Each structure stands twice: as C-alpha cells, then as structure tokens.
Amino acid sequence: MNRLKTIFIMIIIIINCCEQKQLRNDYDNKAIDSISNYNFSVEEKIVDFSMENRKKYNLDSWNALNNFIDRFENLSKMIPEGNLVFIEELIMKTDELLKSNFPEKHNISDIKSRIKVVKSMLLKSRYNSKNQKWEELDISLNELFTAYNSLVNRIISVADENNIF
C-alpha cells in the first residue's frame, strides 16, 4: 500500500512540474509576441554634437558632458526593446552631469533644467521598458530625444551668444 501511495505522489509531482513548465513557456512566448506585435515609430534624429563641435565651442574638457553625449548617441542607435541597460546607465551619467562643474558660461538654469527634463524622460522610458509597455515606451523615447535635442540646442545657443559678445 505504501508503494502505491509513493508512485501516486510521484505521478502527481511529475504532472504538476510539466504544467508549471508549460505555463512558464506560455508566459515567455506572450512576452516575445508582445514585442514582435508592436512596431516602433521612426525615432527622432538627435542633434549632431560630435567631439569636433564640442571643441569648436570649447566644451571638450567638460568630461561629464562628453560622457553623457557619447552614451546618449549609443542609446539612439539601439533597438527600443533592448535599451534598458543603456537607459539605466544614462540616468547615472545624467546625475554625474548635474553634479559636475559646469563651465562658467554654461552654468545657467536654462541648461540645468533641460538636463533635469532629460532625466525625467529617461526615468519614464525606464519604467515603460521594465514593464514592457511598448506603446508608451515608443512615446517616451520620442519625448526623450526631443528633450535631448532641446538641451543640445540650448548648449550651442549659449556658446554662440557668448562668442558674439
């Protein structure tokens, strides 16, 4: 009788494990399907702010800005579904940029506030990416690129204003 109970329990355990594995596979397939079923829009082009341009505006020695821009350019080349690591790294680079020593001419609230807006858009994108909300991620990435372009354009305009005067 004990032997029959043991065999019965083993069969139940095996069946239960197979069902759990099937449920896991179904969940994984749904996650993959949710990515493949959504077509991301064409991302907004980011403003070119190469090292040559940064040298032109005497910003090549601002290491925190250079690191931030280089990482951001890497993010813009990534596929949206695989960008979570880059977004998290950019959030850290944004914090470093905010804490860095701004060049005297660029130490203004216009630039600092635009950096904070970029950080807010990064946080929003991270949330949407983690939760696999692809449509919201698409929107937040476009907002992020718009905020970044606004930041770079303002940095350039401040440099131009200082060169004029």
Protein backbone atom coordinates (compact mmCIF):
# COMPACT_ATOMS: atom_id res chain seq x y z
CA MET A 1 0.00 0.00 0.00
CA ASN A 2 2.85 2.41 0.82
CA ARG A 3 4.42 1.67 -2.50
CA LEU A 4 1.21 2.55 -4.34
CA LYS A 5 0.94 5.88 -2.44
CA THR A 6 4.55 6.73 -3.32
CA ILE A 7 4.00 6.01 -7.00
CA PHE A 8 0.79 8.05 -6.99
CA ILE A 9 2.52 11.04 -5.35
CA MET A 10 5.41 10.83 -7.83
CA ILE A 11 2.96 10.91 -10.76
CA ILE A 12 1.19 13.96 -9.33
CA ILE A 13 4.52 15.76 -8.84
CA ILE A 14 5.64 15.00 -12.40
CA ILE A 15 2.34 16.20 -13.87
CA ASN A 16 2.47 19.36 -11.77
CA CYS A 17 6.04 20.14 -12.87
CA CYS A 18 5.11 19.68 -16.54
CA GLU A 19 2.16 22.04 -16.17
CA GLN A 20 4.35 24.67 -14.46
CA LYS A 21 6.91 24.41 -17.25
CA GLN A 22 4.19 24.83 -19.87
CA LEU A 23 2.82 27.89 -18.06
CA ARG A 24 6.32 29.43 -17.99
CA ASN A 25 6.77 28.77 -21.71
CA ASP A 26 3.39 30.32 -22.48
CA TYR A 27 4.34 33.44 -20.47
CA ASP A 28 7.70 33.74 -22.24
CA ASN A 29 6.03 33.37 -25.64
CA LYS A 30 3.49 36.09 -24.78
CA ALA A 31 6.31 38.47 -23.78
CA ILE A 32 8.12 37.81 -27.06
CA ASP A 33 4.89 38.16 -29.01
CA SER A 34 4.13 41.49 -27.34
CA ILE A 35 7.45 42.84 -28.63
CA SER A 36 7.10 41.46 -32.12
CA ASN A 37 3.49 42.63 -32.45
CA TYR A 38 4.40 46.27 -31.85
CA ASN A 39 6.14 48.36 -34.49
CA PHE A 40 8.09 51.24 -33.02
CA SER A 41 7.85 54.55 -34.85
CA VAL A 42 10.84 56.07 -36.55
CA GLU A 43 12.81 57.77 -33.85
CA GLU A 44 13.53 61.45 -33.99
CA LYS A 45 17.03 62.23 -35.17
CA ILE A 46 19.29 63.59 -32.48
CA VAL A 47 21.27 66.78 -32.96
CA ASP A 48 24.83 66.10 -34.06
CA PHE A 49 27.13 67.24 -31.30
CA SER A 50 30.32 65.46 -32.22
CA MET A 51 33.64 66.00 -30.50
CA GLU A 52 34.61 68.42 -33.28
CA ASN A 53 31.59 70.58 -32.47
CA ARG A 54 32.32 70.38 -28.77
CA LYS A 55 35.90 71.54 -29.42
CA LYS A 56 34.53 74.38 -31.54
CA TYR A 57 32.50 75.57 -28.55
CA ASN A 58 35.31 74.86 -26.01
CA LEU A 59 33.31 72.11 -24.32
CA ASP A 60 35.71 69.24 -24.99
CA SER A 61 37.19 69.49 -21.49
CA TRP A 62 33.77 69.05 -19.82
CA ASN A 63 34.14 65.30 -19.28
CA ALA A 64 30.72 64.74 -17.73
CA LEU A 65 29.03 66.27 -20.78
CA ASN A 66 31.21 64.28 -23.17
CA ASN A 67 30.39 61.00 -21.40
CA PHE A 68 26.69 61.84 -21.37
CA ILE A 69 26.58 62.72 -25.08
CA ASP A 70 28.56 59.64 -26.11
CA ARG A 71 26.23 57.34 -24.13
CA PHE A 72 23.17 59.11 -25.49
CA GLU A 73 24.36 58.60 -29.06
CA ASN A 74 24.75 54.89 -28.26
CA LEU A 75 21.18 54.79 -26.95
CA SER A 76 19.83 56.38 -30.10
CA LYS A 77 21.34 53.55 -32.18
CA MET A 78 19.81 50.76 -30.06
CA ILE A 79 16.59 48.91 -30.76
CA PRO A 80 13.91 50.10 -28.31
CA GLU A 81 13.29 46.67 -26.76
CA GLY A 82 16.91 46.22 -25.71
CA ASN A 83 17.72 49.63 -24.32
CA LEU A 84 17.02 49.20 -20.61
CA VAL A 85 20.70 48.82 -19.69
CA PHE A 86 21.61 51.91 -21.70
CA ILE A 87 18.79 53.91 -20.12
CA GLU A 88 19.91 52.99 -16.61
CA GLU A 89 23.50 53.92 -17.44
CA LEU A 90 22.34 57.22 -18.90
CA ILE A 91 20.41 58.02 -15.72
CA MET A 92 23.70 57.67 -13.79
CA LYS A 93 25.53 59.80 -16.38
CA THR A 94 22.82 62.45 -16.10
CA ASP A 95 23.29 62.56 -12.32
CA GLU A 96 27.05 62.92 -12.82
CA LEU A 97 26.46 65.72 -15.32
CA LEU A 98 24.22 67.60 -12.90
CA LYS A 99 26.84 67.28 -10.13
CA SER A 100 29.75 68.23 -12.39
CA ASN A 101 31.45 71.59 -12.55
CA PHE A 102 29.72 73.46 -15.33
CA PRO A 103 31.83 75.84 -17.42
CA GLU A 104 31.19 79.37 -16.26
CA LYS A 105 29.29 80.38 -19.39
CA HIS A 106 27.09 77.28 -19.24
CA ASN A 107 26.36 77.37 -15.52
CA ILE A 108 22.84 78.69 -16.05
CA SER A 109 19.42 77.45 -15.03
CA ASP A 110 18.30 77.00 -18.67
CA ILE A 111 20.79 74.21 -19.21
CA LYS A 112 20.39 72.62 -15.78
CA SER A 113 16.61 72.50 -16.12
CA ARG A 114 16.86 70.90 -19.56
CA ILE A 115 19.18 68.24 -18.13
CA LYS A 116 16.57 67.53 -15.46
CA VAL A 117 13.89 67.20 -18.14
CA VAL A 118 16.09 64.68 -19.98
CA LYS A 119 16.48 62.75 -16.72
CA SER A 120 12.70 62.74 -16.22
CA MET A 121 12.20 61.35 -19.72
CA LEU A 122 14.87 58.70 -19.02
CA LEU A 123 13.04 57.64 -15.86
CA LYS A 124 9.76 57.45 -17.76
CA SER A 125 11.40 55.38 -20.51
CA ARG A 126 12.97 53.05 -17.95
CA TYR A 127 9.59 52.47 -16.32
CA ASN A 128 7.91 51.70 -19.65
CA SER A 129 10.75 49.43 -20.75
CA LYS A 130 10.76 47.46 -17.48
CA ASN A 131 7.00 46.98 -17.63
CA GLN A 132 7.04 46.12 -21.35
CA LYS A 133 4.61 48.89 -22.21
CA TRP A 134 5.82 49.18 -25.79
CA GLU A 135 3.42 51.85 -27.00
CA GLU A 136 4.21 54.09 -24.01
CA LEU A 137 7.92 53.35 -24.44
CA ASP A 138 7.70 54.50 -28.05
CA ILE A 139 6.13 57.78 -26.97
CA SER A 140 8.53 58.32 -24.07
CA LEU A 141 11.58 57.64 -26.27
CA ASN A 142 10.41 60.25 -28.76
CA GLU A 143 9.91 62.70 -25.89
CA LEU A 144 13.37 61.80 -24.61
CA PHE A 145 15.00 62.55 -27.96
CA THR A 146 13.10 65.83 -28.19
CA ALA A 147 14.29 66.81 -24.70
CA TYR A 148 17.87 65.86 -25.58
CA ASN A 149 17.77 67.92 -28.77
CA SER A 150 16.44 70.87 -26.80
CA LEU A 151 19.32 70.53 -24.32
CA VAL A 152 22.00 70.33 -27.03
CA ASN A 153 20.48 73.23 -28.97
CA ARG A 154 20.47 75.37 -25.83
CA ILE A 155 24.10 74.49 -25.05
CA ILE A 156 25.03 75.52 -28.59
CA SER A 157 23.00 78.72 -28.46
CA VAL A 158 24.61 79.73 -25.15
CA ALA A 159 28.04 79.16 -26.68
CA ASP A 160 27.06 81.19 -29.75
CA GLU A 161 25.72 84.02 -27.58
CA ASN A 162 28.96 84.12 -25.61
CA ASN A 163 31.02 84.17 -28.81
CA ILE A 164 29.03 87.12 -30.15
CA PHE A 165 29.51 89.18 -27.02
